[in-house]
C-alpha cells in the first residue's frame, strides 16, 4: 500500500505554486483522493461533474 501511494504521488513534493493539485497535501481532499482512487487514470476517467461533486 505504501509503495502504491509513493508511486502515485511522489511528484507532489516537487511541484510548486499553481502546479500543485492540493493546497494541503495532508488535508481532507487529498486524503480522500488517496484512499478512493487506485490510480491517476481512475481520476482522469471520471467525468468532470462527478469528480467535482465527489470533491465537494
Protein backbone atom coordinates (compact mmCIF):
# COMPACT_ATOMS: atom_id res chain seq x y z
CA UNK A 1 0.00 0.00 0.00
CA UNK A 2 2.73 2.48 0.94
CA UNK A 3 4.68 1.82 -2.24
CA UNK A 4 1.50 2.36 -4.28
CA UNK A 5 0.97 5.72 -2.58
CA UNK A 6 4.55 6.70 -3.25
CA UNK A 7 4.31 5.80 -6.93
CA UNK A 8 1.04 7.71 -7.33
CA UNK A 9 2.08 10.85 -5.51
CA UNK A 10 5.85 11.10 -5.33
CA UNK A 11 5.82 14.06 -7.70
CA UNK A 12 3.66 16.10 -5.30
CA UNK A 13 6.72 17.13 -3.31
CA UNK A 14 8.48 18.77 -6.25
CA UNK A 15 5.51 20.64 -7.70
CA UNK A 16 5.36 24.35 -6.92
CA UNK A 17 2.65 27.02 -6.88
CA UNK A 18 -0.29 26.53 -9.22
CA UNK A 19 1.02 23.14 -10.38
CA UNK A 20 0.13 21.58 -7.02
CA UNK A 21 -3.22 19.76 -7.17
CA UNK A 22 -3.97 20.37 -3.46
CA UNK A 23 -3.18 23.30 -1.22
CA UNK A 24 -2.58 20.94 1.70
CA UNK A 25 -1.13 17.50 0.95
CA UNK A 26 -2.48 16.21 4.26
CA UNK A 27 -5.95 17.79 4.00
CA UNK A 28 -9.31 16.12 3.57
CA UNK A 29 -9.47 16.36 -0.22
CA UNK A 30 -6.02 14.88 -0.84
CA UNK A 31 -6.57 12.15 1.78
CA UNK A 32 -9.89 11.20 0.19
CA UNK A 33 -8.41 11.05 -3.29
CA UNK A 34 -5.59 8.83 -1.99
CA UNK A 35 -7.98 6.36 -0.40
CA UNK A 36 -10.71 6.28 -3.05
CA UNK A 37 -8.72 6.10 -6.30
CA UNK A 38 -6.23 3.34 -7.08
CA UNK A 39 -4.51 5.18 -9.93
CA UNK A 40 -4.31 8.60 -11.56
CA UNK A 41 -6.07 7.08 -14.57
CA UNK A 42 -9.21 6.50 -12.47
CA UNK A 43 -9.31 10.22 -11.72
CA UNK A 44 -8.79 11.09 -15.39
CA UNK A 45 -11.55 8.70 -16.46
CA UNK A 46 -14.13 10.12 -14.04
CA UNK A 47 -16.47 12.66 -15.66
CA UNK A 48 -15.64 16.19 -14.55
CA UNK A 49 -19.01 16.88 -12.95
CA UNK A 50 -18.80 13.65 -10.92
CA UNK A 51 -15.27 14.49 -9.79
CA UNK A 52 -16.32 17.97 -8.69
CA UNK A 53 -19.29 16.54 -6.77
CA UNK A 54 -17.02 13.93 -5.19
CA UNK A 55 -14.52 16.55 -4.02
CA UNK A 56 -17.22 18.93 -2.77
